Amino acid sequence: MADSQGHSNGLTAQAFGAVLDASPDALLAVAADGSITMANAAAERFFGISRQDLAGRSHRSLFTAGFRDEVDKLFRQLGTEPGKPPPLREVFCVHSGGAKFPAEVAASLLPGLEADGQTPTGAAPQLLLSVRETSHRAAAEEDLREAMSLLTATLESTADGILVMSDQGHVAGFNDQFLSMWGIPPELIKGDSAEPIMQLVNAQVSDPLAFVDRINELEDNPAAESHDVLDFKDGRTFERYSRPQRVGDMIVGRVWSFRDVTPRRKAQEQAQQAMLDLAAQAEKLRAMAFQDPLTGLANRAVFNDGLAQALQEPRLKAVDVLLLDLDDFKEVNDILGHQAGDDMLIEVARRLRGCVPTADVVARLGGDEFVVLLTACPNADEIAACIVRCLHVPVTISGTVLRPSLSLGLASLGQDNVGASELLRRADIAMYAAKAAGKNRFLRFHPDMMTALVQRTDMESGLQLAVSRGEISVDFQPIVSHRMGQVVQFEALARWDRSGERVPPSVFIPLAERTGLISEIGSEVMALGMVQLAPWLTEDPSRSLSVNVSGVQLQDPHFAEEVLRLAAASGVAPYQLILEVTESVFFDADCSLIKQLSTLRDAGARVALDDFGTGYSSLGRLQDLPVDTVKIDKTFVSMVRTGTERLPILSSMINMAHSLGLTVTAEGVETVAQADYLTALDCDSLQGYLFSLPEPGRRLEYALHHAEEALNALNALNGR
């Protein structure tokens, strides 16, 4: 408009026009009928229409339909509420070329004034529209939306929980992972106070005070960064990162990041444990290479190395090897179990260390075999004797008092300067010589022992040949009943005549056990005994045959079947058979030996417990054993010398057996005093040289006659 009027503050029309043209927004004065009465320079640019052409034009041509009818509403609103400006309108404007662009419209009411811009004219007021193009804002907002979308996607896709706090202590932002990790309800974090959140967090961490202290430290030092680890009561582990939030150089808040490293921590702990286990295993393997795992002593490899080094040392004039093993150790394992055996070996090792603390090497070679290496020792014999004494002291194993016994062989480096293997072999020969000499002793190696070794080897070969040729014979020893006044049974005993000389059973029976020939010998004795004694047995059904049976024989799954076959073939009834076994057969792990005996008992045969009292089991264990008779060992019978002794152990054995329904036979009865004493204790039957020596089958009548004479003399002496 060429003649725009001034409006306020005393501005001239020209000055007022300059002000309008200086505005970057398009300004339009619109009359009540919607026609444009004034436009500034910005309006010309916005709409592409000159001010002259805008004057008188309807504002509707400049706006889309959404704003065309707004002018009347704005007039009414501003007229009724002049002090309350209406809200901005988001509209679309129409350029002269037809293009549409977004804009923001503000409205105010212009009163009618004179040309001085101060004096009211009374003319109708006009509506001043301020139009600001917002197309650039839309692009910026779109960029912002894209940026926020990217930020949101980034925050929500990360495995870390993110929390942003303002410098005023308010929650400025967070992601869902943060809520999930801490178990925080969404409505709680949207509250005005952070106190409920802190209570929830403190209830979870293992050390709430340390958690809060770190937060307070960072509040006192806003520019600091932080990284620590949080342990939770439920076993989880978080890493906590924190750094200040900056806008330029200004700190406006703090960003907290929480990462759940529980799997990693557990993996690290597992890896560390695996490394420790590996190190322990390596140490164990290293120890196994040099140490016996049961006793903690050195092992064979260490001993061999020590002996080799000692023999190579030219300054050493004395090198002694002491080789020992426990006597009858197998019985401990068989009767008390392998754990008891292990306990005894551990105790032996402990005592060995105490006996020879200055020894170069104390080692366990395996099983119940130990070895001691001494160098530069002037008194090896004294140490050997000390070992025998120390190890023979009683020890309680598995509730049973045992007296360990050992045989020790001593070999020393002599003028012949033998090698390591020969020195050990000599100690071994001396050890077996100690066993043969009665056990529980030591012997120093002597060349004559080589002769004994050759003889033993020759004896083994001879026994094997005798078994294969059927040269094992049987003698019979009678067993008498003082009540019945007659012989009630015979025991079949193995005999071996070699080159016209009788080999004592005490020599060849252990040899047979060591070489595994005992099973064949036992079977031969069983068969010969039945055949040769069958005529005597068939005369009286109350008579019986007693045969020794080894654990090796019972290991044969067909043993019971074979015994019954032999009995049937020889005409001997099963109930006339008594199988004598030692305690050890009742301690096999799978009870297979007991099953064999049970099969024979079911068929009518009886079982006798031989050498009772010499083993490791107690009298009370009798009730658990499937036996019919106990045979008291001659060791206890020999205690009776005059017949006036008080021997409670004998009476206890007999009374206990009778209370369990068992019969009792006493072995090794050689004197009248012994027979009288046992008869007074109500021992059921007696066996020994007093009645008869063992005789071959052809002299059976002689043995019977001699036994009956002795029995008659005994009865006559006692007035029976």
Foldseek 3Di string as FASTA:
>chain_A
DVQAAAADPQDARVRNLVVQQPDCWWKFWAAPVQQTQFIYPNVCVVQVHDRVVSGRDGCPQFFDPVCNPCQNVLVVVCVVVVPDWDDKDWTWTAHPVGDIFIKIKGKHKGADADRSSPHGPPDHIIIMITIGTCRVVVVVVVVVVVVVVVVLCVQAPDLKWKWWAWLVGATPDTHVNVCVVLVNDPVVNPDGDCVVVLVSNLVWWPDSVVVVVVVVVCNVPVQDWDWDKTATPVGWIKIKTKGFDDDVPDGTTMMIIIHTCSVVVVVVVVVVVVVVVVVVVVVVVVCVVFADVLQRFGEPVVVVVVQQVLLVDVVWPKKKKKKKFWPPLVLCCLQVNVVLSSVLLNVLSVLLCVLCVPFPGWYAHDDRMIMTIHIPDPCPVVSQQSSLVSQQPWDAGPNFIDGIWMFMEMFMQDPVSDGDVVRVVQRVLQRVVSVVVPTSHGDYGDVVSVVVVVVLVVVLVVVVVCLVVVQKAWFWFFKDFLVVLFTQEIEIDIWHADPNRTDDCVRVVVSCVVVVVNLSSQVSSLLNQLQLCVVVCVVDVRHAYEGEDELSNLVPLCNLVVSVVSCVVNVHQLLRYEYEYEPSSCRDPVCSSVVSVVVSVVSNHFYEHECPPPGGDDLVCVLVDRHAEYEHEVVLLVVQDQLPDDDVVLLVNCVSQVVSNHAYEYEADQDLSSVVNVVVSVHGIYTHPLQHDTGGSVCVVVSRVSNSVSSVVSCVVVVD
